[in-house]
C-alpha atoms as a PDB file:
ATOM      1  CA  MET A   1       0.000   0.000   0.000  1.00  0.00           C
ATOM      2  CA  ILE A   2       1.264   3.468  -0.902  1.00  0.00           C
ATOM      3  CA  LEU A   3       0.045   6.631   0.755  1.00  0.00           C
ATOM      4  CA  LEU A   4      -0.281   9.640  -1.533  1.00  0.00           C
ATOM      5  CA  LEU A   5       0.074  12.965   0.219  1.00  0.00           C
ATOM      6  CA  GLY A   6      -0.193  16.272  -1.508  1.00  0.00           C
ATOM      7  CA  ASN A   7      -1.948  19.389  -2.522  1.00  0.00           C
ATOM      8  CA  ARG A   8      -4.637  19.093  -5.188  1.00  0.00           C
ATOM      9  CA  ALA A   9      -4.542  22.828  -5.848  1.00  0.00           C
ATOM     10  CA  THR A  10      -0.890  22.772  -6.885  1.00  0.00           C
ATOM     11  CA  GLY A  11      -0.886  19.256  -8.289  1.00  0.00           C
ATOM     12  CA  GLN A  12       2.169  18.439  -6.193  1.00  0.00           C
ATOM     13  CA  PHE A  13       2.047  15.046  -4.567  1.00  0.00           C
ATOM     14  CA  MET A  14       4.507  13.006  -2.566  1.00  0.00           C
ATOM     15  CA  ILE A  15       4.331   9.261  -2.164  1.00  0.00           C
ATOM     16  CA  GLU A  16       4.845   8.083   1.401  1.00  0.00           C
ATOM     17  CA  LEU A  17       6.065   4.521   1.614  1.00  0.00           C
ATOM     18  CA  THR A  18       4.709   2.177   4.246  1.00  0.00           C
ATOM     19  CA  PRO A  19       7.245   0.675   6.677  1.00  0.00           C
ATOM     20  CA  LYS A  20       6.823  -2.751   5.065  1.00  0.00           C
ATOM     21  CA  GLN A  21       7.463  -1.273   1.621  1.00  0.00           C
ATOM     22  CA  GLN A  22      10.519   0.627   2.865  1.00  0.00           C
ATOM     23  CA  ILE A  23      12.035  -2.575   4.252  1.00  0.00           C
ATOM     24  CA  PHE A  24      11.184  -4.581   1.124  1.00  0.00           C
ATOM     25  CA  MET A  25      12.707  -1.970  -1.171  1.00  0.00           C
ATOM     26  CA  LEU A  26      16.045  -2.047   0.680  1.00  0.00           C
ATOM     27  CA  ASP A  27      16.696  -5.365  -1.076  1.00  0.00           C
ATOM     28  CA  ASP A  28      17.983  -5.571  -4.632  1.00  0.00           C
ATOM     29  CA  VAL A  29      15.647  -6.728  -7.407  1.00  0.00           C
ATOM     30  CA  PRO A  30      16.798 -10.392  -7.423  1.00  0.00           C
ATOM     31  CA  THR A  31      16.179 -10.630  -3.663  1.00  0.00           C
ATOM     32  CA  ARG A  32      12.743  -9.068  -4.047  1.00  0.00           C
ATOM     33  CA  LEU A  33      11.972 -11.580  -6.785  1.00  0.00           C
ATOM     34  CA  HIS A  34      13.018 -14.391  -4.447  1.00  0.00           C
ATOM     35  CA  HIS A  35      10.515 -13.077  -1.881  1.00  0.00           C
ATOM     36  CA  LEU A  36       7.864 -13.172  -4.616  1.00  0.00           C
ATOM     37  CA  ALA A  37       8.937 -16.704  -5.563  1.00  0.00           C
ATOM     38  CA  THR A  38       8.596 -17.793  -1.938  1.00  0.00           C
ATOM     39  CA  HIS A  39       5.020 -16.506  -1.927  1.00  0.00           C
ATOM     40  CA  LEU A  40       4.261 -18.268  -5.212  1.00  0.00           C
ATOM     41  CA  SER A  41       5.680 -21.506  -3.823  1.00  0.00           C
ATOM     42  CA  GLN A  42       3.456 -21.201  -0.756  1.00  0.00           C
ATOM     43  CA  ILE A  43       0.414 -20.398  -2.916  1.00  0.00           C
ATOM     44  CA  GLN A  44       1.122 -23.396  -5.156  1.00  0.00           C
ATOM     45  CA  SER A  45       1.426 -25.678  -2.142  1.00  0.00           C
ATOM     46  CA  LEU A  46      -1.802 -24.359  -0.647  1.00  0.00           C
ATOM     47  CA  TRP A  47      -3.659 -24.828  -3.953  1.00  0.00           C
ATOM     48  CA  THR A  48      -2.535 -28.450  -3.927  1.00  0.00           C
ATOM     49  CA  GLN A  49      -3.733 -28.943  -0.359  1.00  0.00           C
ATOM     50  CA  GLY A  50      -7.038 -27.218  -1.115  1.00  0.00           C
ATOM     51  CA  SER A  51      -7.033 -25.426   2.196  1.00  0.00           C
ATOM     52  CA  SER A  52      -6.213 -22.104   3.806  1.00  0.00           C
ATOM     53  CA  GLU A  53      -8.322 -19.864   1.595  1.00  0.00           C
ATOM     54  CA  ASP A  54      -7.579 -16.805   3.742  1.00  0.00           C
ATOM     55  CA  LEU A  55      -3.842 -17.456   3.639  1.00  0.00           C
ATOM     56  CA  ILE A  56      -3.860 -17.850  -0.157  1.00  0.00           C
ATOM     57  CA  LEU A  57      -5.765 -14.580  -0.501  1.00  0.00           C
ATOM     58  CA  ALA A  58      -3.279 -12.782   1.754  1.00  0.00           C
ATOM     59  CA  LEU A  59      -0.325 -14.191  -0.211  1.00  0.00           C
ATOM     60  CA  VAL A  60      -1.926 -13.252  -3.543  1.00  0.00           C
ATOM     61  CA  ASN A  61      -2.519  -9.699  -2.361  1.00  0.00           C
ATOM     62  CA  GLU A  62       0.960  -9.288  -0.939  1.00  0.00           C
ATOM     63  CA  SER A  63       2.490 -10.771  -4.100  1.00  0.00           C
ATOM     64  CA  ARG A  64       0.741  -8.064  -6.102  1.00  0.00           C
ATOM     65  CA  TYR A  65       2.398  -5.454  -3.873  1.00  0.00           C
ATOM     66  CA  PHE A  66       5.800  -7.129  -4.226  1.00  0.00           C
ATOM     67  CA  ILE A  67       5.516  -6.836  -7.994  1.00  0.00           C
ATOM     68  CA  GLU A  68       4.257  -3.243  -7.793  1.00  0.00           C
ATOM     69  CA  TRP A  69       7.272  -2.361  -5.662  1.00  0.00           C
ATOM     70  CA  THR A  70       9.762  -4.168  -7.942  1.00  0.00           C
ATOM     71  CA  VAL A  71       8.709  -3.382 -11.505  1.00  0.00           C
ATOM     72  CA  PRO A  72       9.636   0.351 -11.432  1.00  0.00           C
ATOM     73  CA  ASP A  73      13.243  -0.516 -10.549  1.00  0.00           C
ATOM     74  CA  MET A  74      13.337  -3.065 -13.360  1.00  0.00           C
ATOM     75  CA  VAL A  75      12.090  -0.429 -15.778  1.00  0.00           C
ATOM     76  CA  LYS A  76      14.759   2.011 -14.551  1.00  0.00           C
ATOM     77  CA  ALA A  77      17.348  -0.686 -15.338  1.00  0.00           C
ATOM     78  CA  ASP A  78      15.915  -1.008 -18.889  1.00  0.00           C
ATOM     79  CA  ASP A  79      14.626  -4.501 -18.082  1.00  0.00           C
ATOM     80  CA  ILE A  80      11.351  -3.677 -19.811  1.00  0.00           C
ATOM     81  CA  ASP A  81      10.435  -7.074 -21.235  1.00  0.00           C
ATOM     82  CA  ARG A  82      10.722  -8.920 -17.955  1.00  0.00           C
ATOM     83  CA  ALA A  83       9.022  -6.084 -16.073  1.00  0.00           C
ATOM     84  CA  CYS A  84       6.116  -6.507 -18.498  1.00  0.00           C
ATOM     85  CA  GLU A  85       6.049 -10.227 -17.736  1.00  0.00           C
ATOM     86  CA  LEU A  86       5.629  -9.441 -14.055  1.00  0.00           C
ATOM     87  CA  VAL A  87       2.805  -7.051 -14.918  1.00  0.00           C
ATOM     88  CA  ASP A  88       1.148 -10.003 -16.656  1.00  0.00           C
ATOM     89  CA  LEU A  89       1.476 -11.925 -13.392  1.00  0.00           C
ATOM     90  CA  VAL A  90      -0.221  -9.059 -11.524  1.00  0.00           C
ATOM     91  CA  ARG A  91      -3.033  -9.209 -14.069  1.00  0.00           C
ATOM     92  CA  LEU A  92      -3.432 -12.948 -13.437  1.00  0.00           C
ATOM     93  CA  LEU A  93      -3.456 -12.509  -9.661  1.00  0.00           C
ATOM     94  CA  THR A  94      -5.977  -9.684  -9.943  1.00  0.00           C
ATOM     95  CA  ARG A  95      -8.189 -11.794 -12.224  1.00  0.00           C
ATOM     96  CA  TRP A  96      -8.118 -14.512  -9.554  1.00  0.00           C
ATOM     97  CA  LEU A  97      -9.315 -12.029  -6.960  1.00  0.00           C
ATOM     98  CA  PHE A  98     -12.206 -10.899  -9.156  1.00  0.00           C
ATOM     99  CA  HIS A  99     -13.296 -14.509  -9.784  1.00  0.00           C
ATOM    100  CA  TRP A 100     -12.247 -15.915  -6.424  1.00  0.00           C
ATOM    101  CA  ASP A 101     -15.529 -17.564  -5.418  1.00  0.00           C
ATOM    102  CA  ASN A 102     -15.749 -19.431  -8.730  1.00  0.00           C
ATOM    103  CA  ILE A 103     -12.124 -20.547  -8.590  1.00  0.00           C
ATOM    104  CA  TRP A 104     -12.232 -21.600  -4.945  1.00  0.00           C
ATOM    105  CA  THR A 105     -15.334 -23.772  -5.386  1.00  0.00           C
ATOM    106  CA  ASP A 106     -14.338 -25.409  -8.688  1.00  0.00           C
ATOM    107  CA  ALA A 107     -11.728 -28.186  -8.545  1.00  0.00           C
ATOM    108  CA  GLU A 108     -10.822 -27.763 -12.218  1.00  0.00           C
ATOM    109  CA  GLN A 109     -10.217 -24.029 -11.824  1.00  0.00           C
ATOM    110  CA  LYS A 110      -8.148 -24.655  -8.692  1.00  0.00           C
ATOM    111  CA  GLN A 111      -6.046 -27.146 -10.641  1.00  0.00           C
ATOM    112  CA  SER A 112      -5.589 -24.587 -13.403  1.00  0.00           C
ATOM    113  CA  ALA A 113      -4.572 -21.921 -10.868  1.00  0.00           C
ATOM    114  CA  SER A 114      -2.094 -24.356  -9.333  1.00  0.00           C
ATOM    115  CA  LEU A 115      -0.515 -25.025 -12.738  1.00  0.00           C
ATOM    116  CA  GLU A 116      -0.366 -21.297 -13.511  1.00  0.00           C
ATOM    117  CA  THR A 117       1.276 -20.666 -10.159  1.00  0.00           C
ATOM    118  CA  SER A 118       3.839 -23.381 -10.848  1.00  0.00           C
ATOM    119  CA  TYR A 119       4.677 -21.817 -14.232  1.00  0.00           C
ATOM    120  CA  TRP A 120       5.057 -18.351 -12.716  1.00  0.00           C
ATOM    121  CA  LEU A 121       7.181 -19.656  -9.856  1.00  0.00           C
ATOM    122  CA  ARG A 122       9.651 -21.121 -12.354  1.00  0.00           C
ATOM    123  CA  ARG A 123       9.596 -17.949 -14.471  1.00  0.00           C
ATOM    124  CA  VAL A 124      10.143 -15.583 -11.521  1.00  0.00           C
ATOM    125  CA  LEU A 125      13.108 -17.696 -10.396  1.00  0.00           C
ATOM    126  CA  GLU A 126      14.544 -17.570 -13.936  1.00  0.00           C
ATOM    127  CA  ILE A 127      14.172 -13.790 -14.047  1.00  0.00           C
ATOM    128  CA  SER A 128      15.794 -13.410 -10.624  1.00  0.00           C
ATOM    129  CA  ARG A 129      18.886 -15.370 -11.708  1.00  0.00           C
ATOM    130  CA  THR A 130      19.663 -13.484 -14.916  1.00  0.00           C
ATOM    131  CA  GLU A 131      21.071 -10.089 -15.693  1.00  0.00           C
ATOM    132  CA  PRO A 132      18.691  -7.374 -16.905  1.00  0.00           C
ATOM    133  CA  GLU A 133      17.963  -7.478 -20.611  1.00  0.00           C
ATOM    134  CA  SER A 134      18.699  -3.965 -21.786  1.00  0.00           C
ATOM    135  CA  MET A 135      16.637  -2.616 -24.659  1.00  0.00           C
ATOM    136  CA  SER A 136      19.831  -1.339 -26.257  1.00  0.00           C
ATOM    137  CA  ALA A 137      21.324  -4.831 -26.473  1.00  0.00           C
END
């Protein structure tokens, strides 16, 4: 969560980072991606077990924040393509939230979500282990 403080009259705004975000952003991008991968691993495991709905929801939400807090630094490093991939992951996680009741009550959709999580876990780990792909390369 980001707090936006400012003056509407002047159009000047300042973003105030939450303590959790400040701590998270002290890490480099690969470390942040490993935190995201840890969440994805936990989500994948929980999908398989078919339990802990509240915990999965919390991990999905926090994963969205992790990506939101990481992508801008990837863009600054000209790692545009992989930053866009992570935005696709945010879109998937957000789609899950919008269709949560259907997914949670349908075994086939849960299985699909588990497979998608497994794919993204592997991809996030791959991204975290490689150097940024500069657009000028």
